């Protein structure tokens, strides 16, 4: 019998708990979802099928016509993956639909007719969409491009060619001309573009998304995707070895960003792309550059797809909404339009693998977050990942990523797979900083990484004019200790530490250990995960010890915990702290319930962290 999982209308095959004991989903489920998504957008195409004007969302900053092109391009990519993965089998006539749109849209680009595509210009949204169209045409060349009329091919080639010379924004956009050039056969432009992103590669499989220290999912669904696909599609083994090796290293970390419920950690921008987070997992399997087993790859990818569909990402009309689970405005950016969520098409990349590939035939295996409690330091982004089997939650402690344009999705102290930050309009969660006269708190900015290691991460940042903060997080199990050293603040300056934004089924705790006292929780606020997040808080006051030369600053220490485990031990038993302060600096020793310890030495310039085993070594 078939099952239909509300709230989406897609009719899915029965679950297979033998092949897929974790999610129940198989290749047939992915095909059914892809077919359902493509059927749902079809009624919203213009008569000539060149633009897709999807309902239910505000227009983007690029305007309605660009949004219509986005609808065409991003759903075309899904259709191309679906048909190419079926070796050209196309019973629904998907390629005919998009071939019609290509002919109509390129007939008079830049015009004001109902089918006219906007032209590709410097730093314009059509440059992004040109890359999706070029990739879709490349994947389906035998069944679409090679069968087009010569006149349509020439018009399409001319429209795409502007993307090769258009100036991109200095970030992952550098790769959109690369992708178009790869389809058009312009290897000089491909080389130029790939060379351009080298300045953002920081090692260990991680890129910054531009000149800022912006680490997020663009690593997977853009900065790895386009170079690896270009090398794979062109048969360039040297490039594939180079970029594939980076992908392999990245995936070892990336696989730890998914909770046991399939949710990726909620951090960074463009999160409305949702299951596009599965893209690099499939890419590793597709090209053979992955450290993950086939069963782990499919478990993570299917877990992400099911997580979002089971929670309302596609509504009763089958359309993807602008949001996270369901519609949610604060997760969006100015460039987000009604069709933006369809970059989720990249998450279906696994359908390019044949049905008899081991990624589809191997039994699912447990995700990293389901196997054992883990603390994983990621020195490149300067993150610490903390996951616990009892609740399947992954926590990301952020001491290295920052992009003030997209706060709160970059500058919080921590993010997780089970929570989402409150909006910028609400008092911030997972934050430490001075309290201003109007009751607001200063932003965390100018983050400088100070290292990440065994169960710890540290950074230095500014918190208002002349105020500097050295921050250290120490973690064990589900517990953490947050240490903040403040210098440059006026005596009597109030400071506030806030905790995790927890909804139903989760517990968020803060326990003041030094320099802080309990404070009322923040007013309940909605997040992308819950309508009523509870955020605990603790308050303190500076003495001004760090304002004069040689001052060691004011130290604030608290324990924190986010857990969904039943009946956890008291937080006071999970972590205990000893503090010793002198004019030269501060020392904090944290004793964990299992007998291990962390010892931290802090000065206004930085922090040194040491760990010890139960026997004191």
Protein backbone atom coordinates (compact mmCIF):
# COMPACT_ATOMS: atom_id res chain seq x y z
CA UNK A 1 0.00 0.00 0.00
CA UNK A 2 1.11 3.57 -0.56
CA UNK A 3 1.43 6.19 2.10
CA UNK A 4 0.95 9.92 1.89
CA UNK A 5 2.77 11.79 4.62
CA UNK A 6 1.01 15.05 5.48
CA UNK A 7 1.25 17.96 5.09
CA UNK A 8 2.68 17.44 1.59
CA UNK A 9 0.55 15.77 -1.10
CA UNK A 10 3.22 13.50 -2.56
CA UNK A 11 2.22 9.85 -2.86
CA UNK A 12 5.18 7.80 -1.71
CA UNK A 13 5.97 4.09 -1.92
CA UNK A 14 5.93 1.93 1.21
CA UNK A 15 8.84 2.31 3.59
CA UNK A 16 11.61 -0.27 3.39
CA UNK A 17 12.93 -0.79 6.90
CA UNK A 18 15.20 -3.63 5.79
CA UNK A 19 17.20 -1.63 3.26
CA UNK A 20 16.74 1.63 5.13
CA UNK A 21 16.36 0.83 8.84
CA UNK A 22 16.97 4.45 9.89
CA UNK A 23 14.70 6.42 7.54
CA UNK A 24 12.65 3.83 5.64
CA UNK A 25 13.27 5.75 2.41
CA UNK A 26 14.84 4.47 -0.80
CA UNK A 27 15.63 5.75 -4.27
CA UNK A 28 11.96 5.35 -5.14
CA UNK A 29 11.07 7.90 -2.45
CA UNK A 30 13.55 10.39 -3.87
CA UNK A 31 12.11 9.90 -7.36
CA UNK A 32 8.56 10.33 -6.07
CA UNK A 33 9.43 13.55 -4.24
CA UNK A 34 11.25 14.94 -7.29
CA UNK A 35 8.27 14.11 -9.49
CA UNK A 36 5.89 15.69 -6.99
CA UNK A 37 7.89 18.89 -6.74
CA UNK A 38 8.08 19.24 -10.51
CA UNK A 39 4.36 18.55 -10.97
CA UNK A 40 3.51 21.17 -8.36
CA UNK A 41 5.37 24.01 -10.09
CA UNK A 42 4.06 23.26 -13.61
CA UNK A 43 0.77 25.21 -13.28
CA UNK A 44 2.71 28.35 -12.36
CA UNK A 45 4.67 28.60 -15.60
CA UNK A 46 3.89 31.28 -18.15
CA UNK A 47 2.15 30.01 -21.32
CA UNK A 48 5.50 29.72 -23.09
CA UNK A 49 7.04 28.06 -19.99
CA UNK A 50 9.92 30.55 -19.83
CA UNK A 51 9.16 31.94 -16.37
CA UNK A 52 7.72 30.30 -13.27
CA UNK A 53 5.87 32.77 -11.06
CA UNK A 54 5.35 30.87 -7.84
CA UNK A 55 2.83 32.06 -5.26
CA UNK A 56 3.10 32.32 -1.52
CA UNK A 57 6.16 34.47 -1.00
CA UNK A 58 7.34 38.04 -1.16
CA UNK A 59 9.36 39.07 -4.23
CA UNK A 60 13.12 39.23 -3.94
CA UNK A 61 15.18 42.38 -4.20
CA UNK A 62 15.87 41.48 -7.85
CA UNK A 63 12.24 41.82 -8.87
CA UNK A 64 9.43 39.64 -10.18
CA UNK A 65 10.89 38.91 -13.62
CA UNK A 66 14.18 37.72 -12.14
CA UNK A 67 12.21 35.64 -9.67
CA UNK A 68 10.36 34.02 -12.59
CA UNK A 69 13.68 33.13 -14.22
CA UNK A 70 14.82 31.69 -10.91
CA UNK A 71 11.73 29.48 -10.92
CA UNK A 72 12.59 28.20 -14.39
CA UNK A 73 16.29 27.65 -13.73
CA UNK A 74 16.13 25.92 -10.38
CA UNK A 75 13.30 23.57 -11.27
CA UNK A 76 14.98 22.84 -14.62
CA UNK A 77 18.01 21.66 -12.66
CA UNK A 78 15.81 19.22 -10.74
CA UNK A 79 14.19 18.01 -13.97
CA UNK A 80 17.62 17.55 -15.56
CA UNK A 81 18.90 15.48 -12.65
CA UNK A 82 15.72 13.38 -12.71
CA UNK A 83 15.89 12.64 -16.45
CA UNK A 84 19.67 12.19 -16.66
CA UNK A 85 19.50 9.81 -13.70
CA UNK A 86 16.90 7.79 -15.60
CA UNK A 87 19.19 7.68 -18.68
CA UNK A 88 16.85 9.88 -20.69
CA UNK A 89 13.59 8.21 -19.75
CA UNK A 90 11.13 11.11 -19.56
CA UNK A 91 7.50 9.93 -19.51
CA UNK A 92 6.24 13.26 -18.14
CA UNK A 93 7.85 15.28 -20.93
CA UNK A 94 9.95 17.33 -18.55
CA UNK A 95 12.64 18.18 -21.07
CA UNK A 96 10.09 19.28 -23.63
CA UNK A 97 8.66 21.64 -21.05
CA UNK A 98 12.01 23.24 -20.36
CA UNK A 99 13.06 23.25 -24.01
CA UNK A 100 9.94 25.29 -24.77
CA UNK A 101 10.87 27.71 -22.00
CA UNK A 102 14.42 28.05 -23.29
CA UNK A 103 13.15 28.94 -26.75
CA UNK A 104 10.62 31.46 -25.46
CA UNK A 105 12.84 33.08 -22.86
CA UNK A 106 15.76 33.71 -25.20
CA UNK A 107 13.65 35.03 -28.08
CA UNK A 108 13.82 38.62 -26.84
CA UNK A 109 15.95 38.81 -23.66
CA UNK A 110 15.68 42.10 -21.84
CA UNK A 111 12.21 42.78 -23.22
CA UNK A 112 9.04 43.38 -21.25
CA UNK A 113 6.96 40.60 -22.76
CA UNK A 114 5.46 37.84 -20.59
CA UNK A 115 8.14 35.31 -21.61
CA UNK A 116 11.23 37.50 -21.92
CA UNK A 117 14.21 36.60 -19.76
CA UNK A 118 16.22 39.37 -18.13
CA UNK A 119 19.74 39.75 -19.47
CA UNK A 120 22.74 38.66 -17.46
CA UNK A 121 24.52 41.70 -16.04
CA UNK A 122 27.32 42.31 -13.57
CA UNK A 123 26.46 41.03 -10.07
CA UNK A 124 22.87 40.30 -11.10
CA UNK A 125 20.69 37.41 -10.00
CA UNK A 126 20.36 36.08 -13.59
CA UNK A 127 24.08 35.26 -13.38
CA UNK A 128 23.25 32.78 -10.61
CA UNK A 129 20.41 31.27 -12.61
CA UNK A 130 22.52 31.01 -15.75
CA UNK A 131 24.72 28.54 -13.90
CA UNK A 132 21.76 26.29 -13.06
CA UNK A 133 20.53 26.44 -16.66
CA UNK A 134 23.98 25.65 -18.04
CA UNK A 135 24.42 22.73 -15.67
CA UNK A 136 20.96 21.39 -16.53
CA UNK A 137 21.72 21.65 -20.25
CA UNK A 138 25.04 19.90 -19.75
CA UNK A 139 23.48 17.01 -17.85
CA UNK A 140 20.79 16.54 -20.52
CA UNK A 141 22.83 17.46 -23.61
CA UNK A 142 22.00 14.24 -25.51
CA UNK A 143 18.25 14.51 -24.98
CA UNK A 144 17.69 18.28 -25.13
CA UNK A 145 20.49 20.54 -26.34
CA UNK A 146 21.58 18.34 -29.22
CA UNK A 147 17.99 18.18 -30.49
CA UNK A 148 17.21 21.90 -30.40
CA UNK A 149 16.79 23.97 -33.53
CA UNK A 150 19.99 25.73 -34.49
CA UNK A 151 18.38 29.14 -34.01
CA UNK A 152 17.35 28.33 -30.44
CA UNK A 153 20.81 26.99 -29.67
CA UNK A 154 22.42 30.16 -30.94
CA UNK A 155 20.08 32.39 -28.92
CA UNK A 156 20.64 30.33 -25.79
CA UNK A 157 24.39 30.32 -26.31
CA UNK A 158 24.39 34.10 -26.71
CA UNK A 159 22.33 34.60 -23.54
CA UNK A 160 24.60 32.30 -21.54
CA UNK A 161 27.79 33.84 -22.92
CA UNK A 162 27.11 37.07 -21.03
CA UNK A 163 27.46 35.05 -17.80
CA UNK A 164 31.06 34.21 -18.67
CA UNK A 165 32.11 37.85 -18.82
CA UNK A 166 29.74 39.32 -16.20
CA UNK A 167 31.40 40.45 -12.98
CA UNK A 168 30.33 38.31 -10.00
CA UNK A 169 30.26 39.26 -6.36
CA UNK A 170 33.51 38.27 -4.64
CA UNK A 171 32.25 35.07 -3.04
CA UNK A 172 30.90 31.75 -4.28
CA UNK A 173 29.47 33.73 -7.22
CA UNK A 174 32.92 33.42 -8.82
CA UNK A 175 31.89 29.87 -9.71
CA UNK A 176 28.79 30.73 -11.74
CA UNK A 177 30.82 31.94 -14.76
CA UNK A 178 32.93 28.80 -14.34
CA UNK A 179 29.87 26.57 -14.63
CA UNK A 180 28.54 28.38 -17.70
CA UNK A 181 31.99 28.42 -19.31
CA UNK A 182 32.30 24.69 -18.74
CA UNK A 183 29.13 24.07 -20.74
CA UNK A 184 30.17 26.48 -23.50
CA UNK A 185 33.65 24.96 -23.71
CA UNK A 186 35.57 28.09 -22.65
CA UNK A 187 38.43 26.49 -20.71
CA UNK A 188 40.29 29.76 -20.26
CA UNK A 189 37.33 31.18 -18.33
CA UNK A 190 37.04 27.96 -16.32
CA UNK A 191 40.68 28.16 -15.26
CA UNK A 192 40.42 31.85 -14.45
CA UNK A 193 37.39 31.31 -12.25
CA UNK A 194 38.78 28.31 -10.42
CA UNK A 195 42.01 30.13 -9.75
CA UNK A 196 39.95 32.97 -8.29
CA UNK A 197 38.55 30.95 -5.39
CA UNK A 198 41.95 29.71 -4.23
CA UNK A 199 42.38 32.76 -2.01
CA UNK A 200 39.44 31.56 0.06
CA UNK A 201 40.62 28.02 0.66
CA UNK A 202 41.85 27.82 4.26
CA UNK A 203 42.68 24.10 4.40
CA UNK A 204 41.15 20.97 5.91
CA UNK A 205 38.46 21.01 3.21
CA UNK A 206 37.07 24.43 4.18
CA UNK A 207 36.56 27.63 2.22
CA UNK A 208 35.47 31.03 3.44
CA UNK A 209 32.61 32.38 1.35
CA UNK A 210 34.47 35.46 0.20
CA UNK A 211 36.90 37.71 2.01
CA UNK A 212 34.99 37.59 5.30
CA UNK A 213 35.34 34.65 7.67
CA UNK A 214 31.95 33.33 6.58
CA UNK A 215 31.81 29.57 6.99
CA UNK A 216 28.51 27.87 6.24
CA UNK A 217 26.73 25.43 3.92
CA UNK A 218 27.96 27.32 0.84
CA UNK A 219 31.07 25.19 1.33
CA UNK A 220 29.08 22.15 0.27
CA UNK A 221 26.39 23.33 -2.11
CA UNK A 222 28.64 25.77 -4.01
CA UNK A 223 32.36 25.98 -3.26
CA UNK A 224 32.88 22.22 -3.49
CA UNK A 225 30.01 21.42 -5.84
CA UNK A 226 30.92 23.47 -8.89
CA UNK A 227 34.68 22.74 -9.09
CA UNK A 228 34.18 19.02 -8.47
CA UNK A 229 31.32 18.75 -10.97
CA UNK A 230 33.24 20.72 -13.59
CA UNK A 231 36.20 18.36 -13.26
CA UNK A 232 33.98 15.27 -13.26
CA UNK A 233 31.86 16.31 -16.23
CA UNK A 234 34.87 17.37 -18.29
CA UNK A 235 36.89 14.27 -17.43
CA UNK A 236 39.77 16.37 -16.07
CA UNK A 237 41.40 13.85 -13.74
CA UNK A 238 44.01 16.26 -12.42
CA UNK A 239 41.39 18.76 -11.33
CA UNK A 240 39.17 16.01 -9.99
CA UNK A 241 42.02 14.67 -7.88
CA UNK A 242 42.70 18.13 -6.50
CA UNK A 243 39.15 19.21 -5.70
CA UNK A 244 38.01 15.71 -4.87
CA UNK A 245 40.69 15.41 -2.20
CA UNK A 246 39.38 18.60 -0.60
CA UNK A 247 35.82 17.28 -0.74
CA UNK A 248 36.85 14.02 0.89
CA UNK A 249 38.42 15.84 3.84
CA UNK A 250 35.46 18.20 4.12
CA UNK A 251 32.90 15.39 4.24
CA UNK A 252 34.56 13.85 7.29
CA UNK A 253 33.60 17.02 9.16
CA UNK A 254 30.40 17.70 7.25
CA UNK A 255 28.78 14.38 8.15
CA UNK A 256 28.84 15.49 11.80
CA UNK A 257 26.61 18.49 11.11
CA UNK A 258 23.42 16.37 10.99
CA UNK A 259 21.38 15.42 14.03
CA UNK A 260 19.84 12.01 14.55
CA UNK A 261 16.47 13.39 13.37
CA UNK A 262 18.03 14.31 10.01
CA UNK A 263 18.20 18.03 10.68
CA UNK A 264 21.33 19.89 9.66
CA UNK A 265 22.72 22.38 12.16
CA UNK A 266 20.82 25.64 11.73
CA UNK A 267 23.63 28.11 10.92
CA UNK A 268 24.51 30.47 8.10
CA UNK A 269 22.51 32.10 5.32
CA UNK A 270 20.24 30.77 2.57
CA UNK A 271 18.89 28.12 4.90
CA UNK A 272 15.65 28.04 2.94
CA UNK A 273 17.52 25.78 0.48
CA UNK A 274 17.00 23.07 3.13
CA UNK A 275 17.77 19.64 1.65
CA UNK A 276 20.43 21.13 -0.60
CA UNK A 277 22.53 20.26 2.45
CA UNK A 278 22.51 16.69 1.08
CA UNK A 279 24.31 17.84 -2.08
CA UNK A 280 27.97 17.33 -1.04
CA UNK A 281 27.14 13.93 0.44
CA UNK A 282 25.89 12.71 -2.95
CA UNK A 283 28.74 14.51 -4.73
CA UNK A 284 31.29 12.47 -2.82
CA UNK A 285 29.56 9.23 -3.78
CA UNK A 286 29.09 10.35 -7.38
CA UNK A 287 32.79 11.07 -7.92
CA UNK A 288 34.28 8.51 -5.53
CA UNK A 289 35.76 11.19 -3.28
CA UNK A 290 34.20 10.49 0.09
CA UNK A 291 35.30 8.97 3.40
CA UNK A 292 31.72 7.89 4.10
CA UNK A 293 30.28 4.46 3.47
CA UNK A 294 27.43 4.18 1.01
CA UNK A 295 25.00 3.35 3.81
CA UNK A 296 26.02 6.39 5.83
CA UNK A 297 25.76 8.67 2.81
CA UNK A 298 22.20 7.62 2.04
CA UNK A 299 21.16 7.66 5.68
CA UNK A 300 22.32 11.29 6.07
CA UNK A 301 20.83 12.46 2.77
CA UNK A 302 17.49 10.67 3.18
CA UNK A 303 17.34 11.78 6.78
CA UNK A 304 17.62 15.42 5.71
CA UNK A 305 15.01 15.08 2.96
CA UNK A 306 12.55 13.34 5.23
CA UNK A 307 13.19 15.75 8.10
CA UNK A 308 12.02 18.71 6.06
CA UNK A 309 9.11 17.05 4.27
CA UNK A 310 7.76 15.58 7.49
CA UNK A 311 7.78 19.06 9.03
CA UNK A 312 6.00 21.02 6.36
CA UNK A 313 8.69 22.29 3.99
CA UNK A 314 6.34 21.48 1.10
CA UNK A 315 2.77 22.49 1.75
CA UNK A 316 -0.48 20.83 0.65
CA UNK A 317 0.04 22.38 -2.80
CA UNK A 318 3.39 20.62 -3.12
CA UNK A 319 5.33 23.89 -3.29
CA UNK A 320 8.39 24.58 -1.16
CA UNK A 321 7.80 27.55 1.11
CA UNK A 322 10.17 30.33 2.04
CA UNK A 323 11.36 29.22 5.44
CA UNK A 324 12.86 26.27 7.29
CA UNK A 325 10.23 23.75 8.27
CA UNK A 326 7.25 25.78 7.13
CA UNK A 327 7.16 29.46 6.15
CA UNK A 328 9.39 31.61 8.36
CA UNK A 329 10.33 35.14 7.35
CA UNK A 330 13.36 35.76 9.63
CA UNK A 331 15.36 32.98 7.98
CA UNK A 332 15.28 34.81 4.65
CA UNK A 333 17.59 37.31 3.02
CA UNK A 334 16.75 40.22 0.70
CA UNK A 335 17.69 38.06 -2.30
CA UNK A 336 15.20 35.34 -1.31
CA UNK A 337 12.23 35.09 -3.65
CA UNK A 338 9.34 32.61 -4.07
CA UNK A 339 11.46 30.21 -6.16
CA UNK A 340 14.64 30.48 -4.11
CA UNK A 341 13.93 27.31 -2.10
CA UNK A 342 14.31 25.28 -5.29
CA UNK A 343 18.07 25.36 -4.98
CA UNK A 344 17.04 22.31 -2.97
CA UNK A 345 17.30 20.66 -6.40
CA UNK A 346 21.01 20.23 -5.73
CA UNK A 347 20.13 17.88 -2.91
CA UNK A 348 18.76 15.39 -5.47
CA UNK A 349 22.18 14.93 -7.08
CA UNK A 350 22.20 11.30 -5.90
CA UNK A 351 19.65 10.45 -8.58
CA UNK A 352 22.49 10.73 -11.11
CA UNK A 353 23.81 7.49 -9.62
CA UNK A 354 22.23 4.39 -11.19
CA UNK A 355 19.74 2.34 -9.22
CA UNK A 356 22.23 -0.50 -8.83
CA UNK A 357 24.94 1.73 -7.32
CA UNK A 358 25.86 0.74 -3.79
CA UNK A 359 24.72 4.10 -2.45
CA UNK A 360 21.18 2.90 -3.25
CA UNK A 361 21.61 -0.81 -2.55
CA UNK A 362 23.68 -0.86 0.65
CA UNK A 363 21.76 -0.95 3.95
CA UNK A 364 21.63 2.35 5.78
CA UNK A 365 24.14 2.81 8.58
CA UNK A 366 23.88 5.02 11.63
CA UNK A 367 24.85 8.68 11.30
CA UNK A 368 27.86 9.90 13.28
CA UNK A 369 25.55 11.62 15.78
CA UNK A 370 23.89 8.26 16.49
CA UNK A 371 27.03 6.24 17.16
CA UNK A 372 28.77 7.79 20.17
CA UNK A 373 29.07 11.05 22.05
CA UNK A 374 31.66 13.15 20.24
CA UNK A 375 33.62 16.37 20.55
CA UNK A 376 35.14 17.36 17.23
CA UNK A 377 37.40 20.37 16.84
CA UNK A 378 37.40 22.00 13.40
CA UNK A 379 40.43 24.34 13.39
CA UNK A 380 39.79 25.83 9.92
CA UNK A 381 36.47 27.50 10.78
CA UNK A 382 37.49 27.43 14.48
CA UNK A 383 34.39 25.52 15.52
CA UNK A 384 33.78 22.85 18.12
CA UNK A 385 31.12 20.24 17.36
CA UNK A 386 29.47 18.54 20.34
CA UNK A 387 27.04 15.67 19.77
CA UNK A 388 25.24 13.32 22.16
CA UNK A 389 23.64 9.98 21.40
CA UNK A 390 21.00 10.22 24.14
CA UNK A 391 19.14 12.96 22.29
CA UNK A 392 20.81 12.94 18.86
CA UNK A 393 21.54 16.67 19.07
CA UNK A 394 24.55 18.26 17.39
CA UNK A 395 25.80 21.57 18.83
CA UNK A 396 28.14 23.90 16.96
CA UNK A 397 30.21 26.29 19.10
CA UNK A 398 31.20 29.21 16.90
CA UNK A 399 34.54 30.87 17.58
CA UNK A 400 35.59 31.65 14.06
CA UNK A 401 32.75 32.47 11.66
CA UNK A 402 31.32 35.93 11.26
CA UNK A 403 29.28 37.92 8.76
CA UNK A 404 27.52 40.87 10.34
CA UNK A 405 25.26 41.24 7.28
CA UNK A 406 23.50 38.03 8.22
CA UNK A 407 23.48 38.15 11.99
CA UNK A 408 22.00 36.24 13.87
CA UNK A 409 22.94 33.31 11.63
CA UNK A 410 26.70 33.84 11.94
CA UNK A 411 27.68 35.65 15.14
CA UNK A 412 25.98 33.63 17.87
CA UNK A 413 28.18 31.68 20.26
CA UNK A 414 26.42 28.43 19.37
CA UNK A 415 23.97 26.76 17.00
CA UNK A 416 22.43 23.28 16.94
CA UNK A 417 20.51 20.73 14.90
CA UNK A 418 17.54 21.03 17.28
CA UNK A 419 17.29 24.80 17.72
CA UNK A 420 17.37 27.97 15.65
CA UNK A 421 18.35 31.48 16.73
CA UNK A 422 15.70 34.03 17.60
CA UNK A 423 15.31 36.82 15.07
CA UNK A 424 17.37 39.98 15.03
CA UNK A 425 14.34 41.85 16.40
CA UNK A 426 14.46 39.89 19.68
CA UNK A 427 17.08 39.87 22.46
CA UNK A 428 19.76 37.43 21.27
CA UNK A 429 20.16 33.85 22.43
CA UNK A 430 23.60 32.26 22.89
CA UNK A 431 25.23 35.62 23.38
CA UNK A 432 27.49 37.45 25.81
CA UNK A 433 27.95 41.18 25.92
CA UNK A 434 27.50 44.48 27.75
CA UNK A 435 23.95 45.71 28.33
CA UNK A 436 23.18 49.17 26.94
CA UNK A 437 21.05 51.84 28.55
CA UNK A 438 17.98 50.85 26.56
CA UNK A 439 18.27 47.24 27.71
CA UNK A 440 19.71 45.90 24.46
CA UNK A 441 23.08 44.19 24.30
CA UNK A 442 26.10 45.00 22.18
CA UNK A 443 26.84 42.88 19.14
CA UNK A 444 29.66 40.38 18.90
CA UNK A 445 31.93 41.51 16.09
CA UNK A 446 35.50 41.37 14.87
CA UNK A 447 35.83 37.71 15.81
CA UNK A 448 39.45 36.55 15.88
CA UNK A 449 39.99 32.77 16.23
CA UNK A 450 42.22 31.68 19.09
CA UNK A 451 42.15 27.96 18.38
CA UNK A 452 40.07 24.83 18.81
CA UNK A 453 41.17 21.57 20.36
CA UNK A 454 40.15 18.63 22.49
CA UNK A 455 36.75 19.70 23.83
CA UNK A 456 37.35 23.45 23.53
CA UNK A 457 37.34 26.47 21.25
CA UNK A 458 38.31 30.09 21.85
CA UNK A 459 38.10 33.50 20.23
CA UNK A 460 38.57 37.19 20.80
CA UNK A 461 36.02 39.80 19.72
CA UNK A 462 34.80 43.32 20.30
CA UNK A 463 31.62 44.19 22.18
CA UNK A 464 31.17 47.90 21.75
CA UNK A 465 33.59 50.80 21.64
CA UNK A 466 36.81 49.95 23.43
CA UNK A 467 35.42 46.75 24.96
CA UNK A 468 37.11 43.46 24.14
CA UNK A 469 36.12 39.92 25.07
CA UNK A 470 38.15 36.73 25.17
CA UNK A 471 35.73 33.80 24.99
CA UNK A 472 36.37 30.11 25.65
CA UNK A 473 33.91 27.22 25.55
CA UNK A 474 34.74 23.91 27.23
CA UNK A 475 32.54 20.88 26.60
CA UNK A 476 31.95 17.36 27.80
CA UNK A 477 28.90 15.18 27.13
CA UNK A 478 25.96 17.56 26.75
CA UNK A 479 27.40 20.07 29.22
CA UNK A 480 29.51 23.10 28.42
CA UNK A 481 31.23 25.85 30.37
CA UNK A 482 31.40 29.33 28.85
CA UNK A 483 34.23 31.59 30.01
CA UNK A 484 34.39 35.29 29.11
CA UNK A 485 37.12 37.78 30.00
CA UNK A 486 36.08 41.42 29.51
CA UNK A 487 38.53 44.33 29.20
CA UNK A 488 37.98 47.97 28.40
CA UNK A 489 34.54 48.28 30.02
CA UNK A 490 33.64 51.10 32.42
CA UNK A 491 33.28 50.03 36.07
CA UNK A 492 29.70 49.05 36.79
CA UNK A 493 28.92 47.98 33.21
CA UNK A 494 26.19 45.36 33.19
CA UNK A 495 26.82 42.23 31.13
CA UNK A 496 24.46 39.46 30.13
CA UNK A 497 24.98 35.82 29.16
CA UNK A 498 22.13 34.03 27.41
CA UNK A 499 21.66 30.34 26.67
CA UNK A 500 20.06 28.06 24.14
CA UNK A 501 16.63 28.91 22.58
CA UNK A 502 14.79 25.71 23.49
CA UNK A 503 11.30 24.63 22.51
CA UNK A 504 9.12 21.68 23.46
CA UNK A 505 11.06 18.49 24.21
CA UNK A 506 14.31 20.30 24.95
CA UNK A 507 15.81 21.69 28.13
CA UNK A 508 18.01 24.79 28.13
CA UNK A 509 19.97 25.56 31.31
CA UNK A 510 22.41 28.20 32.53
CA UNK A 511 24.24 27.87 35.82
CA UNK A 512 26.30 30.89 36.98
CA UNK A 513 29.70 29.80 38.31
CA UNK A 514 31.67 33.03 38.67
CA UNK A 515 30.83 36.71 38.27
CA UNK A 516 27.25 36.04 37.17
CA UNK A 517 23.90 35.59 38.91
CA UNK A 518 20.63 34.11 37.71
CA UNK A 519 18.41 36.51 35.76
CA UNK A 520 14.87 36.22 34.42
CA UNK A 521 14.63 34.27 31.19
CA UNK A 522 14.17 36.30 28.02
CA UNK A 523 10.58 36.80 26.83
CA UNK A 524 9.49 33.76 24.80
CA UNK A 525 10.26 34.32 21.12
CA UNK A 526 9.58 32.38 17.92
CA UNK A 527 12.32 30.66 16.00
CA UNK A 528 12.40 28.57 12.84
CA UNK A 529 12.00 25.49 15.06
CA UNK A 530 9.41 26.55 17.65
CA UNK A 531 6.85 29.30 18.20
CA UNK A 532 7.93 29.78 21.82
CA UNK A 533 11.65 29.50 22.51
CA UNK A 534 12.74 29.75 26.14
CA UNK A 535 16.14 31.41 26.59
CA UNK A 536 17.73 31.46 30.07
CA UNK A 537 19.91 34.38 31.11
CA UNK A 538 22.50 35.36 33.70
CA UNK A 539 23.71 38.87 34.59
CA UNK A 540 26.92 40.35 35.94
CA UNK A 541 28.70 43.67 36.46
CA UNK A 542 32.24 44.72 35.54
CA UNK A 543 34.68 46.26 38.01
CA UNK A 544 36.73 47.97 35.35
CA UNK A 545 39.75 45.82 36.15
CA UNK A 546 40.82 45.82 32.54
CA UNK A 547 40.68 49.55 31.80
CA UNK A 548 44.08 50.50 33.11
CA UNK A 549 47.36 49.24 31.68
CA UNK A 550 48.21 45.87 33.11
CA UNK A 551 44.66 45.17 34.27
CA UNK A 552 43.64 41.55 33.94
CA UNK A 553 39.98 42.21 33.13
CA UNK A 554 36.70 40.93 34.56
CA UNK A 555 35.99 37.21 34.40
CA UNK A 556 32.56 35.65 33.96
CA UNK A 557 31.95 31.90 33.99
CA UNK A 558 28.78 29.84 33.66
CA UNK A 559 27.78 26.30 32.79
CA UNK A 560 25.22 25.71 30.07
CA UNK A 561 23.38 22.75 28.63
CA UNK A 562 20.98 21.99 25.82
CA UNK A 563 19.56 18.50 26.10
CA UNK A 564 16.63 16.44 24.96
CA UNK A 565 17.64 13.46 27.09
CA UNK A 566 15.22 12.36 29.81
CA UNK A 567 16.26 12.94 33.42
CA UNK A 568 19.79 14.30 32.93
CA UNK A 569 22.03 14.60 35.96
CA UNK A 570 22.00 18.04 37.59
CA UNK A 571 24.12 20.52 35.69
CA UNK A 572 25.89 21.37 38.96
CA UNK A 573 27.15 17.77 39.07
CA UNK A 574 28.08 17.65 35.38
CA UNK A 575 30.53 20.56 35.57
CA UNK A 576 32.31 22.26 38.48
CA UNK A 577 34.68 25.22 38.15
CA UNK A 578 37.54 26.62 40.21
CA UNK A 579 38.71 30.18 39.53
CA UNK A 580 41.98 31.83 40.48
CA UNK A 581 42.56 35.48 39.54
CA UNK A 582 45.68 37.63 39.79
CA UNK A 583 46.74 40.97 38.37
CA UNK A 584 48.44 39.10 35.55
CA UNK A 585 45.46 37.02 34.46
CA UNK A 586 42.95 34.36 35.38
CA UNK A 587 42.96 30.59 35.63
CA UNK A 588 39.86 28.43 35.38
CA UNK A 589 39.81 24.71 36.02
CA UNK A 590 36.67 22.80 35.08
CA UNK A 591 36.12 19.34 36.52
CA UNK A 592 33.72 17.12 34.61
CA UNK A 593 31.58 14.35 36.06
CA UNK A 594 33.64 11.64 34.34
CA UNK A 595 36.82 12.77 36.10
CA UNK A 596 38.38 14.64 33.19
CA UNK A 597 39.29 18.31 33.48
CA UNK A 598 40.10 21.40 31.44
CA UNK A 599 42.49 24.08 32.65
CA UNK A 600 42.38 27.54 31.05
CA UNK A 601 44.75 30.46 31.48
CA UNK A 602 43.30 33.77 30.26
CA UNK A 603 44.86 37.16 29.67
CA UNK A 604 43.45 40.14 27.74
CA UNK A 605 45.42 38.92 24.75
CA UNK A 606 44.21 35.35 24.57
CA UNK A 607 43.75 31.97 26.21
CA UNK A 608 45.66 28.72 26.68
CA UNK A 609 43.67 25.54 27.23
CA UNK A 610 44.93 22.20 28.56
CA UNK A 611 42.98 19.00 29.17
CA UNK A 612 43.69 16.13 31.52
CA UNK A 613 42.53 12.54 31.94
CA UNK A 614 41.05 11.21 35.19
CA UNK A 615 44.49 10.20 36.50
CA UNK A 616 45.71 13.78 36.15
CA UNK A 617 47.81 13.28 33.01
